[in-house]
């Protein structure tokens, strides 16, 4: 293997500094200097054992630039957070060399192009935050290879296509947020239990079809389900009552129909029930009165009758 040292890390960071064309607070300009040790640079953390760069975190500095391929030489890096800046362009493929990466946070930048498939080859990745950018195209099927992934946040981009079924093979998943994109197709359902999955937010997309009848069989600890502002239809599966931890159920602005299942009354942790602007009919089940924690009920613009 190619021998790398702290000098390798320093050169990679100096290359990053050169690719930043605007540094309004002069943080990199004044602090990232060869006169001080790289481990003392602002936003840089080194490991106590190897004294190599293990984390980069410079959030909200207003930096403008691109990520250079040299960052792929930071072979000990486990955290890369550059959120709330104005980095643009596409992600360099050399980042695929960072096999120790656990956390990627690129939120609120100007990255463009497709989400690269090589992200699925980072074996330790636990959190992938790419939201508030300009990514387009499909979600890579390869993300399903991230067997340790806990949080996937791709909201507020321009993504299209369907959700890869492979995503729902990640048993470690805790939160998946894909809201405000152009995704379409049906809502996939996993074939095994997701004991950690607490958040599913697909709001503001173009999903169609029915909620899979067995979807709630595998989500015992789901707390927040957001499917509003899509084109979903059909009935709410009665198996929803298996989600005993559910606190927020948001199904507004779809084409759901049929009666509301009386099993909703068994969701004792429910705080928000948003089902407005659909085609629900019949009466609101009196069992809704059992929801003592309910703070908001929106059932406007349906075909409901009765008291």
C-alpha atoms as a PDB file:
ATOM      1  CA  UNK A   1       0.000   0.000   0.000  1.00  0.00           C
ATOM      2  CA  UNK A   2       1.020   3.570  -0.560  1.00  0.00           C
ATOM      3  CA  UNK A   3       2.614   4.919   2.617  1.00  0.00           C
ATOM      4  CA  UNK A   4       0.681   7.886   4.005  1.00  0.00           C
ATOM      5  CA  UNK A   5       1.647  10.198   6.855  1.00  0.00           C
ATOM      6  CA  UNK A   6       0.416  13.365   8.515  1.00  0.00           C
ATOM      7  CA  UNK A   7       2.218  15.187   5.690  1.00  0.00           C
ATOM      8  CA  UNK A   8      -0.170  13.480   3.275  1.00  0.00           C
ATOM      9  CA  UNK A   9      -3.077  14.815   5.313  1.00  0.00           C
ATOM     10  CA  UNK A  10      -1.586  18.305   5.390  1.00  0.00           C
ATOM     11  CA  UNK A  11      -1.147  18.397   1.620  1.00  0.00           C
ATOM     12  CA  UNK A  12      -4.741  17.241   1.118  1.00  0.00           C
ATOM     13  CA  UNK A  13      -6.057  20.027   3.338  1.00  0.00           C
ATOM     14  CA  UNK A  14      -3.870  22.644   1.684  1.00  0.00           C
ATOM     15  CA  UNK A  15      -5.339  21.514  -1.651  1.00  0.00           C
ATOM     16  CA  UNK A  16      -8.808  22.052  -0.181  1.00  0.00           C
ATOM     17  CA  UNK A  17      -7.774  25.528   0.921  1.00  0.00           C
ATOM     18  CA  UNK A  18      -6.638  26.297  -2.642  1.00  0.00           C
ATOM     19  CA  UNK A  19     -10.010  25.200  -4.010  1.00  0.00           C
ATOM     20  CA  UNK A  20     -11.913  27.588  -1.722  1.00  0.00           C
ATOM     21  CA  UNK A  21     -12.411  30.799  -3.686  1.00  0.00           C
ATOM     22  CA  UNK A  22     -14.249  32.724  -0.964  1.00  0.00           C
ATOM     23  CA  UNK A  23     -13.544  32.566   2.758  1.00  0.00           C
ATOM     24  CA  UNK A  24     -15.528  35.482   4.220  1.00  0.00           C
ATOM     25  CA  UNK A  25     -14.328  34.961   7.783  1.00  0.00           C
ATOM     26  CA  UNK A  26     -10.731  34.293   6.700  1.00  0.00           C
ATOM     27  CA  UNK A  27     -10.694  31.133   8.791  1.00  0.00           C
ATOM     28  CA  UNK A  28      -8.709  29.000   6.369  1.00  0.00           C
ATOM     29  CA  UNK A  29      -6.687  31.957   5.135  1.00  0.00           C
ATOM     30  CA  UNK A  30      -5.298  32.823   8.552  1.00  0.00           C
ATOM     31  CA  UNK A  31      -5.488  29.544  10.449  1.00  0.00           C
ATOM     32  CA  UNK A  32      -4.519  26.829   7.978  1.00  0.00           C
ATOM     33  CA  UNK A  33      -0.834  27.656   7.838  1.00  0.00           C
ATOM     34  CA  UNK A  34       2.286  25.528   7.525  1.00  0.00           C
ATOM     35  CA  UNK A  35       3.645  27.371  10.559  1.00  0.00           C
ATOM     36  CA  UNK A  36       1.289  25.470  12.875  1.00  0.00           C
ATOM     37  CA  UNK A  37       0.722  21.728  13.151  1.00  0.00           C
ATOM     38  CA  UNK A  38      -2.162  20.472  11.030  1.00  0.00           C
ATOM     39  CA  UNK A  39      -3.825  18.931  14.097  1.00  0.00           C
ATOM     40  CA  UNK A  40      -4.179  22.447  15.517  1.00  0.00           C
ATOM     41  CA  UNK A  41      -5.938  23.874  12.458  1.00  0.00           C
ATOM     42  CA  UNK A  42      -9.482  25.122  12.832  1.00  0.00           C
ATOM     43  CA  UNK A  43     -12.063  22.402  12.211  1.00  0.00           C
ATOM     44  CA  UNK A  44      -9.461  19.621  12.123  1.00  0.00           C
ATOM     45  CA  UNK A  45      -9.358  16.784  14.659  1.00  0.00           C
ATOM     46  CA  UNK A  46      -6.628  14.164  14.879  1.00  0.00           C
ATOM     47  CA  UNK A  47      -6.666  10.753  16.483  1.00  0.00           C
ATOM     48  CA  UNK A  48      -4.836  10.386  19.781  1.00  0.00           C
ATOM     49  CA  UNK A  49      -3.177   7.151  18.723  1.00  0.00           C
ATOM     50  CA  UNK A  50      -2.019   7.683  15.137  1.00  0.00           C
ATOM     51  CA  UNK A  51      -2.050  11.516  15.128  1.00  0.00           C
ATOM     52  CA  UNK A  52      -3.745  11.479  11.744  1.00  0.00           C
ATOM     53  CA  UNK A  53      -6.716  13.600  10.654  1.00  0.00           C
ATOM     54  CA  UNK A  54      -9.901  11.781  11.676  1.00  0.00           C
ATOM     55  CA  UNK A  55     -12.492  14.575  11.419  1.00  0.00           C
ATOM     56  CA  UNK A  56     -13.144  17.708   9.377  1.00  0.00           C
ATOM     57  CA  UNK A  57     -15.904  19.969  10.611  1.00  0.00           C
ATOM     58  CA  UNK A  58     -16.298  23.509   9.309  1.00  0.00           C
ATOM     59  CA  UNK A  59     -19.997  24.204   9.369  1.00  0.00           C
ATOM     60  CA  UNK A  60     -21.519  27.558   8.482  1.00  0.00           C
ATOM     61  CA  UNK A  61     -18.410  29.498   7.465  1.00  0.00           C
ATOM     62  CA  UNK A  62     -19.816  30.765   4.156  1.00  0.00           C
ATOM     63  CA  UNK A  63     -17.080  29.012   2.190  1.00  0.00           C
ATOM     64  CA  UNK A  64     -17.394  28.939  -1.594  1.00  0.00           C
ATOM     65  CA  UNK A  65     -15.504  26.405  -3.683  1.00  0.00           C
ATOM     66  CA  UNK A  66     -15.298  22.782  -4.746  1.00  0.00           C
ATOM     67  CA  UNK A  67     -13.984  19.648  -3.096  1.00  0.00           C
ATOM     68  CA  UNK A  68     -10.630  18.608  -4.599  1.00  0.00           C
ATOM     69  CA  UNK A  69      -9.778  14.967  -5.335  1.00  0.00           C
ATOM     70  CA  UNK A  70      -6.917  15.248  -2.826  1.00  0.00           C
ATOM     71  CA  UNK A  71      -9.412  14.752   0.029  1.00  0.00           C
ATOM     72  CA  UNK A  72      -9.423  11.083  -0.927  1.00  0.00           C
ATOM     73  CA  UNK A  73      -5.945  10.859   0.652  1.00  0.00           C
ATOM     74  CA  UNK A  74      -7.277  11.476   4.181  1.00  0.00           C
ATOM     75  CA  UNK A  75      -7.243   7.748   4.806  1.00  0.00           C
ATOM     76  CA  UNK A  76      -8.065   7.961   8.538  1.00  0.00           C
ATOM     77  CA  UNK A  77     -11.041  10.303   8.117  1.00  0.00           C
ATOM     78  CA  UNK A  78     -14.222   9.155   9.851  1.00  0.00           C
ATOM     79  CA  UNK A  79     -16.240  12.409   9.888  1.00  0.00           C
ATOM     80  CA  UNK A  80     -16.602  14.930   7.050  1.00  0.00           C
ATOM     81  CA  UNK A  81     -18.984  17.786   7.820  1.00  0.00           C
ATOM     82  CA  UNK A  82     -19.019  20.871   5.607  1.00  0.00           C
ATOM     83  CA  UNK A  83     -22.686  21.786   6.011  1.00  0.00           C
ATOM     84  CA  UNK A  84     -24.122  25.268   5.576  1.00  0.00           C
ATOM     85  CA  UNK A  85     -21.550  26.536   3.085  1.00  0.00           C
ATOM     86  CA  UNK A  86     -21.600  27.098  -0.683  1.00  0.00           C
ATOM     87  CA  UNK A  87     -19.556  24.222  -2.057  1.00  0.00           C
ATOM     88  CA  UNK A  88     -20.632  23.222  -5.542  1.00  0.00           C
ATOM     89  CA  UNK A  89     -19.843  20.921  -8.422  1.00  0.00           C
ATOM     90  CA  UNK A  90     -19.914  17.155  -8.275  1.00  0.00           C
ATOM     91  CA  UNK A  91     -18.482  14.957  -5.548  1.00  0.00           C
ATOM     92  CA  UNK A  92     -14.999  13.696  -6.504  1.00  0.00           C
ATOM     93  CA  UNK A  93     -14.808   9.926  -6.949  1.00  0.00           C
ATOM     94  CA  UNK A  94     -11.603   9.885  -4.879  1.00  0.00           C
ATOM     95  CA  UNK A  95     -13.750  10.221  -1.758  1.00  0.00           C
ATOM     96  CA  UNK A  96     -14.556   6.543  -2.286  1.00  0.00           C
ATOM     97  CA  UNK A  97     -11.084   5.820  -0.873  1.00  0.00           C
ATOM     98  CA  UNK A  98     -12.189   6.990   2.586  1.00  0.00           C
ATOM     99  CA  UNK A  99     -13.055   3.539   3.878  1.00  0.00           C
ATOM    100  CA  UNK A 100     -13.262   4.674   7.509  1.00  0.00           C
ATOM    101  CA  UNK A 101     -15.951   7.309   6.925  1.00  0.00           C
ATOM    102  CA  UNK A 102     -18.854   7.033   9.342  1.00  0.00           C
ATOM    103  CA  UNK A 103     -20.478  10.459   8.984  1.00  0.00           C
ATOM    104  CA  UNK A 104     -20.964  12.556   5.835  1.00  0.00           C
ATOM    105  CA  UNK A 105     -22.759  15.867   6.240  1.00  0.00           C
ATOM    106  CA  UNK A 106     -22.966  17.976   3.075  1.00  0.00           C
ATOM    107  CA  UNK A 107     -26.322  19.586   3.849  1.00  0.00           C
ATOM    108  CA  UNK A 108     -27.180  23.056   2.606  1.00  0.00           C
ATOM    109  CA  UNK A 109     -24.590  23.494  -0.141  1.00  0.00           C
ATOM    110  CA  UNK A 110     -24.766  23.732  -3.934  1.00  0.00           C
ATOM    111  CA  UNK A 111     -23.596  20.274  -4.948  1.00  0.00           C
ATOM    112  CA  UNK A 112     -25.004  19.072  -8.263  1.00  0.00           C
ATOM    113  CA  UNK A 113     -24.975  16.062 -10.542  1.00  0.00           C
ATOM    114  CA  UNK A 114     -26.177  12.633  -9.541  1.00  0.00           C
ATOM    115  CA  UNK A 115     -25.662  11.075  -6.151  1.00  0.00           C
ATOM    116  CA  UNK A 116     -22.614   8.911  -6.918  1.00  0.00           C
ATOM    117  CA  UNK A 117     -22.965   5.148  -6.739  1.00  0.00           C
ATOM    118  CA  UNK A 118     -19.564   4.822  -5.041  1.00  0.00           C
ATOM    119  CA  UNK A 119     -21.135   6.076  -1.817  1.00  0.00           C
ATOM    120  CA  UNK A 120     -22.450   2.535  -1.477  1.00  0.00           C
ATOM    121  CA  UNK A 121     -18.882   1.242  -1.138  1.00  0.00           C
ATOM    122  CA  UNK A 122     -18.132   2.992   2.178  1.00  0.00           C
ATOM    123  CA  UNK A 123     -18.458   0.042   4.586  1.00  0.00           C
ATOM    124  CA  UNK A 124     -18.550   2.003   7.860  1.00  0.00           C
ATOM    125  CA  UNK A 125     -20.988   4.744   6.823  1.00  0.00           C
ATOM    126  CA  UNK A 126     -23.684   5.401   9.424  1.00  0.00           C
ATOM    127  CA  UNK A 127     -25.039   8.845   8.536  1.00  0.00           C
ATOM    128  CA  UNK A 128     -25.448  10.296   5.060  1.00  0.00           C
ATOM    129  CA  UNK A 129     -26.771  13.859   4.977  1.00  0.00           C
ATOM    130  CA  UNK A 130     -26.996  15.277   1.439  1.00  0.00           C
ATOM    131  CA  UNK A 131     -30.082  17.439   1.831  1.00  0.00           C
ATOM    132  CA  UNK A 132     -30.623  21.029   0.652  1.00  0.00           C
ATOM    133  CA  UNK A 133     -28.480  20.636  -2.477  1.00  0.00           C
ATOM    134  CA  UNK A 134     -29.082  20.310  -6.224  1.00  0.00           C
ATOM    135  CA  UNK A 135     -28.602  16.580  -6.684  1.00  0.00           C
ATOM    136  CA  UNK A 136     -30.687  15.098  -9.492  1.00  0.00           C
ATOM    137  CA  UNK A 137     -31.300  11.709 -11.060  1.00  0.00           C
ATOM    138  CA  UNK A 138     -32.059   8.478  -9.279  1.00  0.00           C
ATOM    139  CA  UNK A 139     -31.131   7.283  -5.818  1.00  0.00           C
ATOM    140  CA  UNK A 140     -28.322   4.754  -6.399  1.00  0.00           C
ATOM    141  CA  UNK A 141     -29.228   1.123  -5.864  1.00  0.00           C
ATOM    142  CA  UNK A 142     -25.776   0.709  -4.314  1.00  0.00           C
ATOM    143  CA  UNK A 143     -26.825   2.596  -1.168  1.00  0.00           C
ATOM    144  CA  UNK A 144     -28.478  -0.644  -0.139  1.00  0.00           C
ATOM    145  CA  UNK A 145     -24.968  -2.015   0.470  1.00  0.00           C
ATOM    146  CA  UNK A 146     -24.483   0.318   3.439  1.00  0.00           C
ATOM    147  CA  UNK A 147     -25.165  -2.324   6.063  1.00  0.00           C
ATOM    148  CA  UNK A 148     -24.412   0.044   8.971  1.00  0.00           C
ATOM    149  CA  UNK A 149     -26.410   3.029   7.706  1.00  0.00           C
ATOM    150  CA  UNK A 150     -28.638   4.581  10.367  1.00  0.00           C
ATOM    151  CA  UNK A 151     -29.732   7.915   8.870  1.00  0.00           C
ATOM    152  CA  UNK A 152     -30.372   8.730   5.203  1.00  0.00           C
ATOM    153  CA  UNK A 153     -31.367  12.344   4.555  1.00  0.00           C
ATOM    154  CA  UNK A 154     -31.784  13.235   0.864  1.00  0.00           C
ATOM    155  CA  UNK A 155     -34.602  15.766   1.182  1.00  0.00           C
ATOM    156  CA  UNK A 156     -34.815  19.036  -0.728  1.00  0.00           C
ATOM    157  CA  UNK A 157     -33.026  18.013  -3.905  1.00  0.00           C
ATOM    158  CA  UNK A 158     -34.219  17.285  -7.438  1.00  0.00           C
ATOM    159  CA  UNK A 159     -34.136  13.504  -7.266  1.00  0.00           C
ATOM    160  CA  UNK A 160     -36.379  11.459  -9.536  1.00  0.00           C
ATOM    161  CA  UNK A 161     -37.100   7.811 -10.208  1.00  0.00           C
ATOM    162  CA  UNK A 162     -38.301   5.240  -7.722  1.00  0.00           C
ATOM    163  CA  UNK A 163     -36.904   4.268  -4.341  1.00  0.00           C
ATOM    164  CA  UNK A 164     -34.491   1.344  -4.778  1.00  0.00           C
ATOM    165  CA  UNK A 165     -35.784  -1.763  -3.041  1.00  0.00           C
ATOM    166  CA  UNK A 166     -32.260  -2.291  -1.763  1.00  0.00           C
ATOM    167  CA  UNK A 167     -32.700   0.615   0.681  1.00  0.00           C
ATOM    168  CA  UNK A 168     -35.259  -1.422   2.551  1.00  0.00           C
ATOM    169  CA  UNK A 169     -32.764  -4.210   3.132  1.00  0.00           C
ATOM    170  CA  UNK A 170     -30.765  -2.048   5.561  1.00  0.00           C
ATOM    171  CA  UNK A 171     -31.874  -3.404   8.915  1.00  0.00           C
ATOM    172  CA  UNK A 172     -29.905  -0.764  10.869  1.00  0.00           C
ATOM    173  CA  UNK A 173     -31.878   2.134   9.352  1.00  0.00           C
ATOM    174  CA  UNK A 174     -33.335   4.549  11.927  1.00  0.00           C
ATOM    175  CA  UNK A 175     -34.439   7.528   9.848  1.00  0.00           C
ATOM    176  CA  UNK A 176     -35.060   7.975   6.114  1.00  0.00           C
ATOM    177  CA  UNK A 177     -36.117  11.377   4.820  1.00  0.00           C
ATOM    178  CA  UNK A 178     -36.697  11.870   1.076  1.00  0.00           C
ATOM    179  CA  UNK A 179     -39.231  14.695   1.204  1.00  0.00           C
ATOM    180  CA  UNK A 180     -39.476  17.443  -1.394  1.00  0.00           C
ATOM    181  CA  UNK A 181     -38.097  15.668  -4.449  1.00  0.00           C
ATOM    182  CA  UNK A 182     -39.619  14.311  -7.664  1.00  0.00           C
ATOM    183  CA  UNK A 183     -39.613  10.636  -6.733  1.00  0.00           C
ATOM    184  CA  UNK A 184     -42.343   8.442  -8.154  1.00  0.00           C
ATOM    185  CA  UNK A 185     -43.526   4.864  -8.230  1.00  0.00           C
ATOM    186  CA  UNK A 186     -44.916   2.878  -5.329  1.00  0.00           C
ATOM    187  CA  UNK A 187     -43.971   2.836  -1.670  1.00  0.00           C
ATOM    188  CA  UNK A 188     -41.693  -0.178  -1.135  1.00  0.00           C
ATOM    189  CA  UNK A 189     -42.045  -2.507   1.797  1.00  0.00           C
ATOM    190  CA  UNK A 190     -39.270  -4.434   3.471  1.00  0.00           C
ATOM    191  CA  UNK A 191     -39.395  -8.187   3.936  1.00  0.00           C
ATOM    192  CA  UNK A 192     -38.000  -8.156   7.479  1.00  0.00           C
ATOM    193  CA  UNK A 193     -38.526  -6.219  10.690  1.00  0.00           C
ATOM    194  CA  UNK A 194     -36.987  -2.773  11.057  1.00  0.00           C
ATOM    195  CA  UNK A 195     -36.600  -2.641  14.802  1.00  0.00           C
ATOM    196  CA  UNK A 196     -34.803   0.728  14.733  1.00  0.00           C
ATOM    197  CA  UNK A 197     -36.735   2.602  12.037  1.00  0.00           C
ATOM    198  CA  UNK A 198     -38.461   5.588  13.678  1.00  0.00           C
ATOM    199  CA  UNK A 199     -38.899   8.093  10.824  1.00  0.00           C
ATOM    200  CA  UNK A 200     -40.158   7.694   7.249  1.00  0.00           C
ATOM    201  CA  UNK A 201     -40.780  10.995   5.461  1.00  0.00           C
ATOM    202  CA  UNK A 202     -41.701  10.882   1.766  1.00  0.00           C
ATOM    203  CA  UNK A 203     -43.756  14.113   1.788  1.00  0.00           C
ATOM    204  CA  UNK A 204     -43.929  16.269  -1.375  1.00  0.00           C
ATOM    205  CA  UNK A 205     -43.143  13.687  -4.052  1.00  0.00           C
ATOM    206  CA  UNK A 206     -45.093  11.946  -6.816  1.00  0.00           C
ATOM    207  CA  UNK A 207     -45.668   8.507  -5.307  1.00  0.00           C
ATOM    208  CA  UNK A 208     -48.687   6.530  -6.513  1.00  0.00           C
ATOM    209  CA  UNK A 209     -50.427   3.281  -5.672  1.00  0.00           C
ATOM    210  CA  UNK A 210     -51.452   1.878  -2.311  1.00  0.00           C
ATOM    211  CA  UNK A 211     -49.650   1.623   0.991  1.00  0.00           C
ATOM    212  CA  UNK A 212     -48.402  -1.996   1.029  1.00  0.00           C
ATOM    213  CA  UNK A 213     -50.763  -4.066   3.176  1.00  0.00           C
ATOM    214  CA  UNK A 214     -47.837  -5.630   5.072  1.00  0.00           C
ATOM    215  CA  UNK A 215     -45.834  -2.413   5.493  1.00  0.00           C
ATOM    216  CA  UNK A 216     -46.754  -1.943   9.141  1.00  0.00           C
ATOM    217  CA  UNK A 217     -45.989  -5.557  10.007  1.00  0.00           C
ATOM    218  CA  UNK A 218     -42.298  -4.677   9.978  1.00  0.00           C
ATOM    219  CA  UNK A 219     -42.214  -1.269  11.709  1.00  0.00           C
ATOM    220  CA  UNK A 220     -42.877  -1.872  15.426  1.00  0.00           C
ATOM    221  CA  UNK A 221     -41.027   1.275  16.578  1.00  0.00           C
ATOM    222  CA  UNK A 222     -42.112   3.761  13.898  1.00  0.00           C
ATOM    223  CA  UNK A 223     -42.770   7.189  15.418  1.00  0.00           C
ATOM    224  CA  UNK A 224     -43.274   9.458  12.393  1.00  0.00           C
ATOM    225  CA  UNK A 225     -44.813   8.556   9.025  1.00  0.00           C
ATOM    226  CA  UNK A 226     -45.051  11.370   6.480  1.00  0.00           C
ATOM    227  CA  UNK A 227     -46.695  10.590   3.127  1.00  0.00           C
ATOM    228  CA  UNK A 228     -48.554  13.869   2.519  1.00  0.00           C
ATOM    229  CA  UNK A 229     -48.592  15.658  -0.843  1.00  0.00           C
ATOM    230  CA  UNK A 230     -48.342  12.638  -3.112  1.00  0.00           C
ATOM    231  CA  UNK A 231     -50.841  10.778  -5.304  1.00  0.00           C
ATOM    232  CA  UNK A 232     -51.357   7.727  -3.123  1.00  0.00           C
ATOM    233  CA  UNK A 233     -54.704   5.949  -3.084  1.00  0.00           C
ATOM    234  CA  UNK A 234     -56.479   3.029  -1.483  1.00  0.00           C
ATOM    235  CA  UNK A 235     -57.297   2.445   2.154  1.00  0.00           C
ATOM    236  CA  UNK A 236     -55.245   2.786   5.312  1.00  0.00           C
ATOM    237  CA  UNK A 237     -54.238  -0.787   6.200  1.00  0.00           C
ATOM    238  CA  UNK A 238     -55.697  -1.958   9.514  1.00  0.00           C
ATOM    239  CA  UNK A 239     -52.238  -3.299  10.377  1.00  0.00           C
ATOM    240  CA  UNK A 240     -51.291   0.307  11.143  1.00  0.00           C
ATOM    241  CA  UNK A 241     -52.325  -0.466  14.718  1.00  0.00           C
ATOM    242  CA  UNK A 242     -49.134  -2.533  15.072  1.00  0.00           C
ATOM    243  CA  UNK A 243     -47.117   0.712  15.149  1.00  0.00           C
ATOM    244  CA  UNK A 244     -47.690   1.254  18.872  1.00  0.00           C
ATOM    245  CA  UNK A 245     -45.057   4.002  19.081  1.00  0.00           C
ATOM    246  CA  UNK A 246     -46.502   6.157  16.277  1.00  0.00           C
ATOM    247  CA  UNK A 247     -46.697   9.846  17.224  1.00  0.00           C
ATOM    248  CA  UNK A 248     -47.220  11.582  13.859  1.00  0.00           C
ATOM    249  CA  UNK A 249     -49.313  10.209  10.987  1.00  0.00           C
ATOM    250  CA  UNK A 250     -49.421  12.577   8.007  1.00  0.00           C
ATOM    251  CA  UNK A 251     -51.409  11.424   4.960  1.00  0.00           C
ATOM    252  CA  UNK A 252     -52.907  14.744   3.765  1.00  0.00           C
ATOM    253  CA  UNK A 253     -53.247  15.763   0.109  1.00  0.00           C
ATOM    254  CA  UNK A 254     -53.497  12.334  -1.481  1.00  0.00           C
ATOM    255  CA  UNK A 255     -56.309  10.247  -2.920  1.00  0.00           C
ATOM    256  CA  UNK A 256     -56.842   7.864  -0.022  1.00  0.00           C
ATOM    257  CA  UNK A 257     -60.385   6.590   0.385  1.00  0.00           C
ATOM    258  CA  UNK A 258     -62.628   4.216   2.271  1.00  0.00           C
ATOM    259  CA  UNK A 259     -63.455   4.302   5.942  1.00  0.00           C
ATOM    260  CA  UNK A 260     -60.981   5.236   8.610  1.00  0.00           C
ATOM    261  CA  UNK A 261     -59.960   2.036  10.402  1.00  0.00           C
ATOM    262  CA  UNK A 262     -61.178   1.853  13.987  1.00  0.00           C
ATOM    263  CA  UNK A 263     -57.726   0.491  14.839  1.00  0.00           C
ATOM    264  CA  UNK A 264     -56.450   4.089  14.781  1.00  0.00           C
ATOM    265  CA  UNK A 265     -57.880   4.290  18.298  1.00  0.00           C
ATOM    266  CA  UNK A 266     -55.201   1.826  19.448  1.00  0.00           C
ATOM    267  CA  UNK A 267     -52.358   4.205  18.583  1.00  0.00           C
ATOM    268  CA  UNK A 268     -52.123   5.497  22.135  1.00  0.00           C
ATOM    269  CA  UNK A 269     -48.969   7.575  21.505  1.00  0.00           C
ATOM    270  CA  UNK A 270     -50.452   9.491  18.554  1.00  0.00           C
ATOM    271  CA  UNK A 271     -50.068  13.285  18.802  1.00  0.00           C
ATOM    272  CA  UNK A 272     -50.830  14.423  15.233  1.00  0.00           C
ATOM    273  CA  UNK A 273     -53.332  12.839  12.827  1.00  0.00           C
ATOM    274  CA  UNK A 274     -53.326  14.635   9.468  1.00  0.00           C
ATOM    275  CA  UNK A 275     -55.657  13.090   6.877  1.00  0.00           C
ATOM    276  CA  UNK A 276     -57.162  16.165   5.178  1.00  0.00           C
ATOM    277  CA  UNK A 277     -57.706  16.579   1.421  1.00  0.00           C
ATOM    278  CA  UNK A 278     -58.428  12.948   0.602  1.00  0.00           C
ATOM    279  CA  UNK A 279     -61.505  10.870  -0.233  1.00  0.00           C
ATOM    280  CA  UNK A 280     -62.178   9.287   3.155  1.00  0.00           C
ATOM    281  CA  UNK A 281     -65.826   8.539   3.826  1.00  0.00           C
ATOM    282  CA  UNK A 282     -68.041   7.327   6.611  1.00  0.00           C
ATOM    283  CA  UNK A 283     -67.757   8.451  10.199  1.00  0.00           C
ATOM    284  CA  UNK A 284     -64.722   9.334  12.239  1.00  0.00           C
ATOM    285  CA  UNK A 285     -64.374   6.280  14.505  1.00  0.00           C
ATOM    286  CA  UNK A 286     -65.338   7.050  18.085  1.00  0.00           C
ATOM    287  CA  UNK A 287     -62.188   5.180  19.098  1.00  0.00           C
ATOM    288  CA  UNK A 288     -60.274   8.340  18.125  1.00  0.00           C
ATOM    289  CA  UNK A 289     -61.535   9.604  21.470  1.00  0.00           C
ATOM    290  CA  UNK A 290     -59.128   7.179  23.129  1.00  0.00           C
ATOM    291  CA  UNK A 291     -56.133   9.136  21.825  1.00  0.00           C
ATOM    292  CA  UNK A 292     -55.472  11.141  24.972  1.00  0.00           C
ATOM    293  CA  UNK A 293     -52.160  12.561  23.677  1.00  0.00           C
ATOM    294  CA  UNK A 294     -53.654  13.847  20.418  1.00  0.00           C
ATOM    295  CA  UNK A 295     -52.910  17.550  19.899  1.00  0.00           C
ATOM    296  CA  UNK A 296     -53.888  18.013  16.241  1.00  0.00           C
ATOM    297  CA  UNK A 297     -56.568  16.353  14.114  1.00  0.00           C
ATOM    298  CA  UNK A 298     -56.997  17.569  10.538  1.00  0.00           C
ATOM    299  CA  UNK A 299     -59.653  15.728   8.540  1.00  0.00           C
ATOM    300  CA  UNK A 300     -60.785  18.642   6.368  1.00  0.00           C
ATOM    301  CA  UNK A 301     -61.896  18.212   2.744  1.00  0.00           C
ATOM    302  CA  UNK A 302     -63.001  14.608   2.756  1.00  0.00           C
ATOM    303  CA  UNK A 303     -66.389  12.907   2.389  1.00  0.00           C
ATOM    304  CA  UNK A 304     -66.859  12.206   6.069  1.00  0.00           C
ATOM    305  CA  UNK A 305     -70.347  12.016   7.557  1.00  0.00           C
ATOM    306  CA  UNK A 306     -71.936  11.700  10.953  1.00  0.00           C
ATOM    307  CA  UNK A 307     -70.903  13.302  14.201  1.00  0.00           C
END
